[in-house]
Protein backbone atom coordinates (compact mmCIF):
# COMPACT_ATOMS: atom_id res chain seq x y z
CA MET A 1 -0.14 -0.04 0.06
CA LEU A 2 1.38 3.50 -1.11
CA ASP A 3 1.20 6.49 0.88
CA ILE A 4 0.53 8.68 -2.10
CA LYS A 5 -0.34 8.22 -5.88
CA ILE A 6 -0.23 10.87 -8.01
CA LEU A 7 -2.06 10.38 -11.38
CA ASN A 8 -2.15 11.64 -14.83
CA GLY A 9 0.83 13.72 -14.88
CA LYS A 10 3.36 15.05 -16.99
CA ILE A 11 6.57 13.83 -15.04
CA ILE A 12 9.79 15.83 -15.78
CA ASP A 13 12.60 13.84 -16.52
CA ILE A 14 15.24 16.32 -16.44
CA LYS A 15 18.33 13.97 -17.30
CA ASN A 16 16.82 12.91 -20.88
CA LYS A 17 15.28 16.09 -21.14
CA LYS A 18 11.45 14.31 -21.76
CA ILE A 19 8.09 14.03 -20.43
CA ILE A 20 6.74 11.15 -18.97
CA GLU A 21 2.82 10.89 -19.05
CA GLY A 22 1.96 8.78 -15.80
CA ASP A 23 1.73 8.25 -12.09
CA ILE A 24 4.16 8.47 -9.47
CA GLY A 25 3.91 6.18 -6.41
CA ILE A 26 5.45 7.51 -2.73
CA LYS A 27 6.05 5.44 0.28
CA GLU A 28 7.90 6.55 3.49
CA SER A 29 9.11 9.71 2.21
CA LYS A 30 10.49 8.19 -0.96
CA ILE A 31 9.65 7.89 -4.77
CA VAL A 32 8.98 4.03 -5.17
CA GLU A 33 7.13 4.02 -8.62
CA ILE A 34 7.09 6.00 -11.79
CA GLY A 35 4.92 5.18 -14.91
CA GLN A 36 1.84 3.27 -14.82
CA VAL A 37 1.47 2.95 -10.89
CA LEU A 38 -1.30 0.41 -10.24
CA SER A 39 -0.85 0.00 -6.61
CA SER A 40 -3.19 1.69 -4.41
CA ALA A 41 -2.51 4.24 -1.69
CA TYR A 42 -3.83 6.27 1.21
CA VAL A 43 -3.94 9.26 -0.69
CA GLU A 44 -4.50 10.11 -4.56
CA ILE A 45 -3.75 13.29 -6.11
CA ASP A 46 -4.95 13.72 -9.66
CA ALA A 47 -2.36 16.08 -11.30
CA LYS A 48 -4.86 16.41 -14.36
CA GLY A 49 -2.05 16.58 -16.89
CA ASN A 50 -0.34 19.20 -15.02
CA TYR A 51 3.35 19.04 -14.68
CA ILE A 52 5.03 17.17 -12.19
CA SER A 53 8.42 18.35 -10.86
CA PRO A 54 10.96 17.76 -8.14
CA GLY A 55 10.51 20.23 -5.60
CA PHE A 56 12.55 23.80 -6.25
CA ILE A 57 15.80 23.96 -4.37
CA ASP A 58 16.95 27.74 -3.56
CA ILE A 59 20.67 27.64 -2.90
CA HIS A 60 20.55 31.23 -1.97
CA MET A 61 17.99 33.20 0.70
CA HIS A 62 17.94 34.67 3.80
CA GLU A 63 15.83 32.99 6.81
CA GLU A 64 13.27 34.71 8.97
CA ASP A 65 14.30 36.78 12.01
CA LEU A 66 13.04 34.75 14.92
CA LEU A 67 13.29 37.69 17.21
CA LEU A 68 11.06 39.77 14.78
CA THR A 69 8.65 36.80 14.43
CA LYS A 70 8.96 35.92 18.11
CA LYS A 71 8.93 32.53 16.97
CA MET A 72 5.07 32.51 16.64
CA GLU A 73 4.73 33.16 12.83
CA TYR A 74 6.67 31.78 9.26
CA ASP A 75 7.95 34.91 7.19
CA ILE A 76 9.91 33.82 4.00
CA SER A 77 9.54 30.06 4.67
CA GLN A 78 6.12 30.35 3.97
CA THR A 79 6.61 32.09 1.08
CA MET A 80 9.27 29.61 -0.24
CA LEU A 81 6.67 26.59 0.24
CA ASN A 82 3.97 28.98 -1.73
CA MET A 83 6.04 29.06 -5.09
CA GLY A 84 7.10 25.49 -4.91
CA VAL A 85 10.40 25.42 -3.17
CA THR A 86 11.09 22.31 -0.86
CA THR A 87 14.72 22.93 0.34
CA CYS A 88 16.46 26.19 0.86
CA ALA A 89 20.21 27.24 1.77
CA THR A 90 20.15 29.99 4.21
CA GLY A 91 23.01 32.00 5.95
CA ASN A 92 24.35 33.63 2.86
CA CYS A 93 25.74 37.06 2.21
CA GLY A 94 27.90 36.20 5.39
CA ASN A 95 24.70 37.00 7.57
CA ASN A 96 23.19 34.30 9.86
CA ARG A 97 19.93 36.16 11.10
CA GLN A 98 20.40 34.14 14.33
CA SER A 99 22.81 31.36 15.13
CA ILE A 100 22.34 27.80 13.09
CA ARG A 101 21.73 25.96 16.24
CA ASP A 102 19.05 28.48 17.44
CA LEU A 103 17.50 28.08 13.85
CA HIS A 104 18.15 24.19 13.99
CA ASP A 105 16.67 24.08 17.68
CA PHE A 106 13.38 26.12 16.45
CA ILE A 107 12.78 24.10 13.48
CA GLU A 108 13.58 20.73 15.37
CA GLU A 109 10.62 22.20 18.08
CA LYS A 110 8.10 23.64 15.58
CA GLY A 111 8.79 22.20 12.39
CA ASN A 112 9.26 24.43 9.17
CA PRO A 113 6.96 25.07 5.71
CA VAL A 114 10.36 23.99 4.08
CA ASN A 115 13.77 22.16 4.33
CA TYR A 116 16.50 24.38 5.48
CA MET A 117 19.90 24.11 5.47
CA SER A 118 22.60 26.79 6.36
CA PHE A 119 25.89 28.47 5.82
CA ILE A 120 27.69 30.04 8.62
CA GLY A 121 28.67 33.78 7.81
CA HIS A 122 31.66 35.64 8.17
CA ASN A 123 30.15 38.77 9.06
CA TYR A 124 27.96 37.43 11.68
CA LEU A 125 31.02 35.80 13.28
CA ARG A 126 32.73 39.07 13.08
CA ASN A 127 30.19 40.30 15.23
CA GLN A 128 29.90 37.82 17.65
CA VAL A 129 33.74 38.31 18.31
CA GLY A 130 33.62 41.68 18.69
CA SER A 131 34.85 42.92 15.17
CA THR A 132 31.94 45.08 14.55
CA ASP A 133 33.75 48.30 12.57
CA ILE A 134 32.74 47.32 9.12
CA TYR A 135 35.68 49.03 7.70
CA LYS A 136 38.20 47.77 9.75
CA LYS A 137 40.03 44.36 9.43
CA SER A 138 39.20 41.75 12.30
CA THR A 139 42.48 41.41 14.59
CA LYS A 140 44.93 38.11 14.84
CA SER A 141 42.84 37.02 17.90
CA GLN A 142 39.62 37.63 16.41
CA ILE A 143 40.36 35.88 13.28
CA GLU A 144 41.80 33.06 15.47
CA LYS A 145 38.44 32.90 17.15
CA MET A 146 36.50 32.83 13.87
CA GLN A 147 38.55 29.82 12.82
CA SER A 148 37.29 28.03 15.67
CA MET A 149 33.79 28.79 15.29
CA VAL A 150 33.77 27.93 11.67
CA GLU A 151 35.00 24.63 12.57
CA ASP A 152 32.14 24.22 15.10
CA ALA A 153 29.70 25.28 12.64
CA ILE A 154 30.63 22.65 10.32
CA ASN A 155 30.90 20.08 12.92
CA PHE A 156 27.54 21.05 13.64
CA GLY A 157 26.36 20.37 10.12
CA ALA A 158 26.72 23.54 8.39
CA VAL A 159 27.20 23.77 4.35
CA GLY A 160 30.05 25.74 4.41
CA VAL A 161 31.14 29.44 4.62
CA SER A 162 29.48 32.37 3.47
CA TYR A 163 30.92 36.21 2.95
CA GLY A 164 29.18 39.29 2.77
CA LEU A 165 32.34 41.51 1.36
CA GLU A 166 30.58 44.51 0.08
CA TYR A 167 28.72 44.75 3.12
CA CYS A 168 31.98 44.74 5.26
CA PRO A 169 34.78 46.61 3.14
CA GLY A 170 37.07 46.03 6.34
CA ILE A 171 37.52 42.25 5.18
CA ASP A 172 40.67 41.87 3.41
CA ILE A 173 41.33 38.55 1.40
CA GLU A 174 43.81 37.49 4.13
CA GLU A 175 40.83 37.52 6.61
CA ALA A 176 38.46 35.97 4.11
CA ILE A 177 41.08 33.10 3.66
CA SER A 178 42.13 32.75 7.25
CA ILE A 179 39.00 31.71 8.64
CA THR A 180 38.96 28.49 6.80
CA LYS A 181 41.96 27.57 8.04
CA GLY A 182 40.56 24.71 9.61
CA ILE A 183 38.36 23.59 6.67
CA LYS A 184 41.01 24.01 3.95
CA GLY A 185 40.74 21.52 1.08
CA ARG A 186 37.14 20.22 2.13
CA ARG A 187 35.92 19.37 -1.10
CA ASP A 188 32.55 18.26 0.55
CA LEU A 189 31.99 22.04 1.73
CA LEU A 190 31.09 25.26 -0.29
CA LEU A 191 31.66 28.56 0.12
CA SER A 192 29.45 31.44 -1.14
CA ALA A 193 29.91 35.38 -1.52
CA HIS A 194 28.46 38.37 -1.88
CA TYR A 195 30.63 40.16 -4.43
CA ARG A 196 33.01 43.06 -3.00
CA LYS A 197 31.66 45.83 -5.27
CA ASP A 198 29.71 45.86 -8.46
CA SER A 199 29.23 47.58 -11.85
CA ILE A 200 32.77 48.88 -12.87
CA TYR A 201 34.31 46.86 -10.32
CA ALA A 202 32.61 43.42 -10.70
CA ILE A 203 35.50 41.68 -12.72
CA ASP A 204 37.95 42.56 -10.01
CA ALA A 205 35.22 41.28 -7.47
CA ILE A 206 34.82 37.97 -9.25
CA LYS A 207 38.79 37.47 -9.70
CA GLU A 208 39.22 38.01 -6.08
CA MET A 209 36.19 35.57 -5.22
CA GLY A 210 38.44 33.26 -7.54
CA GLN A 211 41.41 33.87 -5.48
CA ILE A 212 39.73 32.75 -2.33
CA GLY A 213 38.10 29.56 -3.66
CA ARG A 214 41.72 28.36 -5.21
CA GLU A 215 43.56 29.21 -2.17
CA THR A 216 41.16 27.59 0.39
CA ASP A 217 40.87 24.89 -2.18
CA ILE A 218 36.96 24.67 -1.55
CA PRO A 219 34.34 24.76 -4.19
CA PHE A 220 32.94 27.99 -4.63
CA GLN A 221 29.52 29.95 -5.39
CA ILE A 222 29.30 33.48 -6.62
CA SER A 223 26.07 34.96 -5.33
CA HIS A 224 23.41 36.96 -7.51
CA LEU A 225 25.69 37.63 -10.33
CA SER A 226 22.62 39.53 -11.61
CA SER A 227 23.01 42.05 -8.98
CA CYS A 228 26.77 42.42 -9.73
CA SER A 229 27.05 42.59 -13.21
CA ALA A 230 23.94 43.52 -14.84
CA TYR A 231 25.33 47.39 -15.55
CA GLY A 232 26.87 46.65 -18.85
CA ASN A 233 29.29 43.94 -18.28
CA MET A 234 27.55 40.89 -17.99
CA THR A 235 29.55 39.58 -21.20
CA GLU A 236 33.03 40.39 -19.70
CA ALA A 237 31.67 38.88 -16.15
CA LEU A 238 30.66 35.43 -18.07
CA VAL A 239 33.80 35.18 -19.72
CA THR A 240 35.88 35.73 -16.44
CA ILE A 241 34.03 33.06 -15.05
CA ASP A 242 34.92 30.59 -17.70
CA GLU A 243 38.21 31.27 -17.74
CA LEU A 244 38.62 30.99 -13.98
CA VAL A 245 36.58 27.24 -14.42
CA ASN A 246 38.75 26.22 -17.16
CA SER A 247 41.95 27.15 -15.27
CA GLY A 248 40.50 24.70 -12.84
CA LEU A 249 38.63 26.26 -10.26
CA ASP A 250 35.32 24.41 -8.99
CA LEU A 251 33.29 27.67 -9.24
CA GLN A 252 29.33 27.91 -10.06
CA VAL A 253 26.88 30.63 -9.82
CA ASP A 254 23.76 31.87 -8.92
CA ALA A 255 21.00 34.77 -10.21
CA TYR A 256 17.68 35.89 -9.56
CA PRO A 257 15.14 37.08 -12.71
CA TYR A 258 14.40 40.80 -11.47
CA ASP A 259 16.17 43.98 -12.62
CA ALA A 260 16.10 45.43 -8.90
CA PHE A 261 18.26 44.18 -5.88
CA SER A 262 17.10 44.44 -2.28
CA THR A 263 19.31 45.25 1.02
CA TYR A 264 19.51 47.30 4.06
CA ILE A 265 19.34 51.07 3.81
CA GLY A 266 22.01 51.37 6.24
CA SER A 267 24.66 49.12 4.55
CA ALA A 268 27.65 49.75 2.60
CA VAL A 269 25.99 49.06 -0.19
CA PHE A 270 24.43 52.42 -0.32
CA ASP A 271 27.81 54.54 0.78
CA ASP A 272 28.83 57.70 -1.06
CA GLY A 273 29.15 57.22 -4.81
CA CYS A 274 26.75 54.36 -4.98
CA LEU A 275 24.47 56.55 -7.51
CA GLU A 276 26.92 57.59 -9.70
CA LEU A 277 28.42 53.91 -9.90
CA TRP A 278 24.99 53.18 -11.16
CA ASN A 279 24.46 55.90 -13.15
CA ARG A 280 21.00 56.55 -11.34
CA ASP A 281 19.31 59.35 -9.06
CA TYR A 282 17.72 58.80 -5.75
CA ASN A 283 14.26 58.06 -7.33
CA SER A 284 15.81 54.55 -8.03
CA ILE A 285 15.63 53.85 -4.63
CA MET A 286 12.59 52.61 -3.06
CA LEU A 287 11.93 52.03 0.83
CA ALA A 288 10.21 48.78 1.55
CA GLU A 289 8.95 49.34 5.33
CA LYS A 290 7.11 51.39 7.43
CA PRO A 291 7.13 54.85 7.96
CA PHE A 292 8.48 55.15 4.40
CA GLN A 293 7.09 52.08 2.80
CA GLY A 294 6.77 52.17 -1.05
CA MET A 295 8.16 55.75 -1.16
CA ARG A 296 10.94 56.62 -3.90
CA CYS A 297 14.04 58.63 -2.07
CA ASN A 298 15.08 61.70 -2.71
CA LYS A 299 18.25 63.01 -1.40
CA GLU A 300 16.78 64.09 2.04
CA LEU A 301 14.74 60.90 2.60
CA PHE A 302 17.64 58.92 1.59
CA GLU A 303 19.73 60.12 4.09
CA LYS A 304 17.09 60.11 6.88
CA ALA A 305 16.32 56.43 5.96
CA ARG A 306 20.26 55.71 6.37
CA ARG A 307 20.66 57.72 9.33
CA ASP A 308 17.37 57.12 11.66
CA TYR A 309 16.35 53.53 9.90
CA PRO A 310 19.59 51.62 8.90
CA GLU A 311 17.88 48.29 9.29
CA MET A 312 15.04 49.24 6.75
CA LEU A 313 14.82 47.49 3.61
CA ALA A 314 15.40 49.08 0.27
CA VAL A 315 15.01 48.40 -3.33
CA ALA A 316 17.38 49.58 -5.90
CA TYR A 317 15.91 49.63 -9.69
CA VAL A 318 19.51 49.64 -11.16
CA MET A 319 20.37 46.67 -13.53
CA ASN A 320 19.60 45.60 -17.02
CA GLU A 321 17.39 43.06 -17.30
CA ASP A 322 18.60 41.62 -20.68
CA GLU A 323 21.56 41.09 -19.25
CA ILE A 324 19.80 39.12 -16.18
CA ILE A 325 18.51 36.97 -18.79
CA GLN A 326 21.67 36.51 -20.21
CA ALA A 327 23.25 35.03 -16.96
CA LEU A 328 20.38 32.63 -16.17
CA ASN A 329 21.23 31.20 -19.76
CA HIS A 330 24.52 30.29 -18.67
CA PRO A 331 25.74 26.96 -17.98
CA LEU A 332 27.29 27.60 -15.04
CA VAL A 333 24.40 29.65 -13.48
CA MET A 334 21.46 28.45 -11.53
CA VAL A 335 18.23 30.19 -9.98
CA ALA A 336 17.98 31.43 -6.94
CA SER A 337 15.82 34.02 -5.19
CA ASP A 338 18.16 35.90 -2.70
CA GLY A 339 14.85 36.45 -0.95
CA LEU A 340 14.87 38.35 2.04
CA TYR A 341 11.92 40.00 4.07
CA ARG A 342 11.75 41.79 7.52
CA ASN A 343 8.17 41.92 8.76
CA HIS A 344 6.83 40.43 5.69
CA GLN A 345 8.20 43.53 3.72
CA GLY A 346 10.93 43.27 1.04
CA HIS A 347 11.44 42.12 -2.21
CA PRO A 348 9.12 40.11 -4.56
CA ARG A 349 11.75 37.82 -5.47
CA GLY A 350 11.35 36.04 -2.27
CA ALA A 351 7.79 35.01 -3.08
CA GLY A 352 7.99 34.83 -7.09
CA THR A 353 11.16 34.11 -8.50
CA PHE A 354 10.59 30.47 -9.32
CA PRO A 355 6.91 30.95 -10.90
CA ARG A 356 8.28 34.07 -12.61
CA VAL A 357 11.13 31.71 -14.56
CA ILE A 358 8.53 29.65 -15.92
CA GLY A 359 5.83 31.43 -16.48
CA SER A 360 7.37 34.53 -17.78
CA PHE A 361 10.89 33.98 -19.03
CA VAL A 362 10.17 30.28 -20.48
CA ARG A 363 6.24 30.31 -21.28
CA ASP A 364 5.54 33.91 -22.32
CA ARG A 365 8.86 35.36 -23.53
CA LYS A 366 10.58 32.36 -24.68
CA VAL A 367 14.05 33.44 -23.33
CA MET A 368 14.85 30.33 -21.56
CA ASN A 369 14.44 26.48 -22.32
CA PHE A 370 11.76 24.80 -20.43
CA PHE A 371 14.04 21.70 -19.42
CA ASP A 372 17.30 24.01 -18.97
CA ALA A 373 15.00 26.20 -16.62
CA ILE A 374 13.79 23.27 -14.44
CA TYR A 375 17.46 21.82 -14.17
CA LYS A 376 18.85 25.30 -12.75
CA MET A 377 15.78 25.14 -10.00
CA THR A 378 16.04 21.70 -9.08
CA TYR A 379 19.00 19.18 -9.71
CA MET A 380 21.54 21.59 -10.48
CA PRO A 381 21.25 23.32 -7.13
CA ALA A 382 20.89 19.77 -5.37
CA LYS A 383 23.88 18.50 -6.68
CA ARG A 384 25.87 21.78 -5.64
CA LEU A 385 24.46 21.32 -2.18
CA GLY A 386 25.38 17.70 -1.86
CA LEU A 387 21.78 16.46 -1.63
CA LYS A 388 22.05 12.94 -3.20
CA SER A 389 18.80 12.11 -3.06
CA LYS A 390 16.85 15.27 -4.29
CA GLY A 391 16.18 17.00 -7.41
CA LEU A 392 15.31 14.33 -9.54
CA LEU A 393 12.02 12.46 -10.05
CA GLU A 394 13.65 8.88 -10.00
CA GLU A 395 12.55 5.53 -8.04
CA GLY A 396 14.55 5.83 -4.63
CA TYR A 397 14.92 9.73 -4.33
CA ASP A 398 13.02 11.60 -1.83
CA ALA A 399 9.37 12.73 -2.44
CA ASP A 400 9.90 16.55 -2.56
CA ILE A 401 7.66 17.48 -5.56
CA VAL A 402 5.88 20.21 -6.76
CA ILE A 403 2.98 20.11 -9.30
CA PHE A 404 2.39 23.37 -11.41
CA ASN A 405 -0.16 24.22 -14.31
CA TYR A 406 2.20 25.34 -16.95
CA ASP A 407 -0.30 27.49 -18.56
CA THR A 408 -1.11 29.48 -15.45
CA ILE A 409 1.95 29.52 -13.34
CA ILE A 410 3.56 33.15 -12.97
CA ASP A 411 4.48 35.27 -10.04
CA LYS A 412 2.17 37.79 -8.45
CA ALA A 413 4.06 39.19 -5.67
CA THR A 414 4.88 43.08 -6.53
CA PHE A 415 7.38 45.66 -5.01
CA GLU A 416 4.11 47.01 -3.36
CA ASP A 417 2.87 43.53 -1.83
CA PRO A 418 5.89 41.44 -1.93
CA GLN A 419 4.50 38.25 -0.72
CA LEU A 420 1.63 37.75 -2.95
CA LYS A 421 1.13 34.18 -3.83
CA PRO A 422 1.98 33.05 -7.25
CA ASP A 423 -0.73 31.36 -9.49
CA GLY A 424 -0.30 27.73 -10.93
CA ILE A 425 1.44 25.96 -7.80
CA GLU A 426 -1.17 23.26 -7.59
CA CYS A 427 0.44 20.97 -5.23
CA VAL A 428 3.60 20.52 -3.13
CA ILE A 429 4.63 17.55 -1.16
CA ILE A 430 7.98 17.43 1.02
CA ASP A 431 9.33 14.40 2.69
CA GLY A 432 6.46 12.28 1.36
CA LYS A 433 3.69 14.61 3.26
CA VAL A 434 1.64 17.15 1.58
CA ALA A 435 2.12 20.53 2.22
CA ILE A 436 0.18 22.27 -0.47
CA LYS A 437 -3.00 20.79 -1.95
CA ASN A 438 -5.43 22.10 -4.56
CA LYS A 439 -3.35 25.55 -4.13
CA ASN A 440 -4.35 25.62 -0.42
CA LEU A 441 -2.15 25.29 2.45
CA ALA A 442 -2.56 21.68 3.86
CA ASN A 443 0.52 21.36 6.41
CA ASN A 444 3.21 23.97 7.04
CA THR A 445 5.59 22.36 9.71
CA ILE A 446 6.79 19.30 7.47
CA GLY A 447 10.10 20.94 6.73
CA LYS A 448 13.26 19.97 8.47
CA PHE A 449 16.77 21.12 9.39
CA ILE A 450 19.24 19.32 7.38
CA LYS A 451 22.74 19.25 8.42
CA ARG A 452 25.43 18.58 5.85
CA GLU A 453 26.85 15.03 7.32
CA SER A 454 23.00 13.69 6.86
CA MET A 455 23.07 14.71 3.35
């Protein structure tokens, strides 16, 4: 007797780039049958000719702040589930919003809408050891403490180390490399980084990340290339990345499908000279939280927000969409949301990235290939994160599945209402249990904290 049987679906075979018309049988959290499934099941789901895909995997997002949610609600993890994501990697851009252990313990106690795994963030560690001046290098003693903390996090199950180089200009390359002293050469880990500086500085930033990857001898992930190089130099950026890979570096990239980025208004990203760098004016910056939610900046408002509300999220409309499409089509680039919310406010990418790729870029505008896009959202990030039983619809793989209507799937979240549910996500299954059924939430506590050693 099966636990779940999905009937009448268009099953996406990513490896062979074909569609299998048929059924999927699930038992004890695993896919056990594919094709014509005759066994009976406790639960039957009629896919009605919709597409059946592996659950989407978001290699780059930012978990909720448990102090803000007071551990009483789910913020971004709920929007992840709503758009068909089943597993996420948190702790990116050098920033953990709480300790990995606290996040783990919360999920162990309460459950979570989606599976989480986590990086340990360099910038977070700097704050923990008292290196709080973002424009100064950490001391030798502080670096030694961070080395130990990195090893502790890895031993606890962190997937690797993340850097937020632009957010902390005081981090030099020596410090970035030094904190990994105890894990050097670990090919089972992953480093990820928010680049040093964008636009005309992007190529140097990419080369610096390549140097960190080479000297640590740890596979390296460049975060959200779209917000780094979609300023007129994407072609050069991709050529540089190809050259680094051809030289033997284990390097991959992620990007999101929006031409605006979002981060804290008080961060170094918005330091003097940023608007000149992007060739934009203050009006290109929109504040995303109260008391200025939805307001475009002028010089006075920009300076007031940075001075009085440095933790406020802002959206910068500064990138070129044609270059984002160029990045997303490159074979080394996977799809990721870089989703980030505070009190349910922020950038719509945290609620719309994956449906937007399928509905807009693949179906409507035809600027991406269907199978390539699904691969970049499922099996490619699964392999990168070492998730050996996720990312494919094959017997023996985890039953993390999304069923979507190809004709209607589309993102609905906007910069004014950034957590609106997408259309077209019909059903989501995590760990062999139904999380969304008939577009409605069925269970938002199935997700687990995945430790690296349990992959």
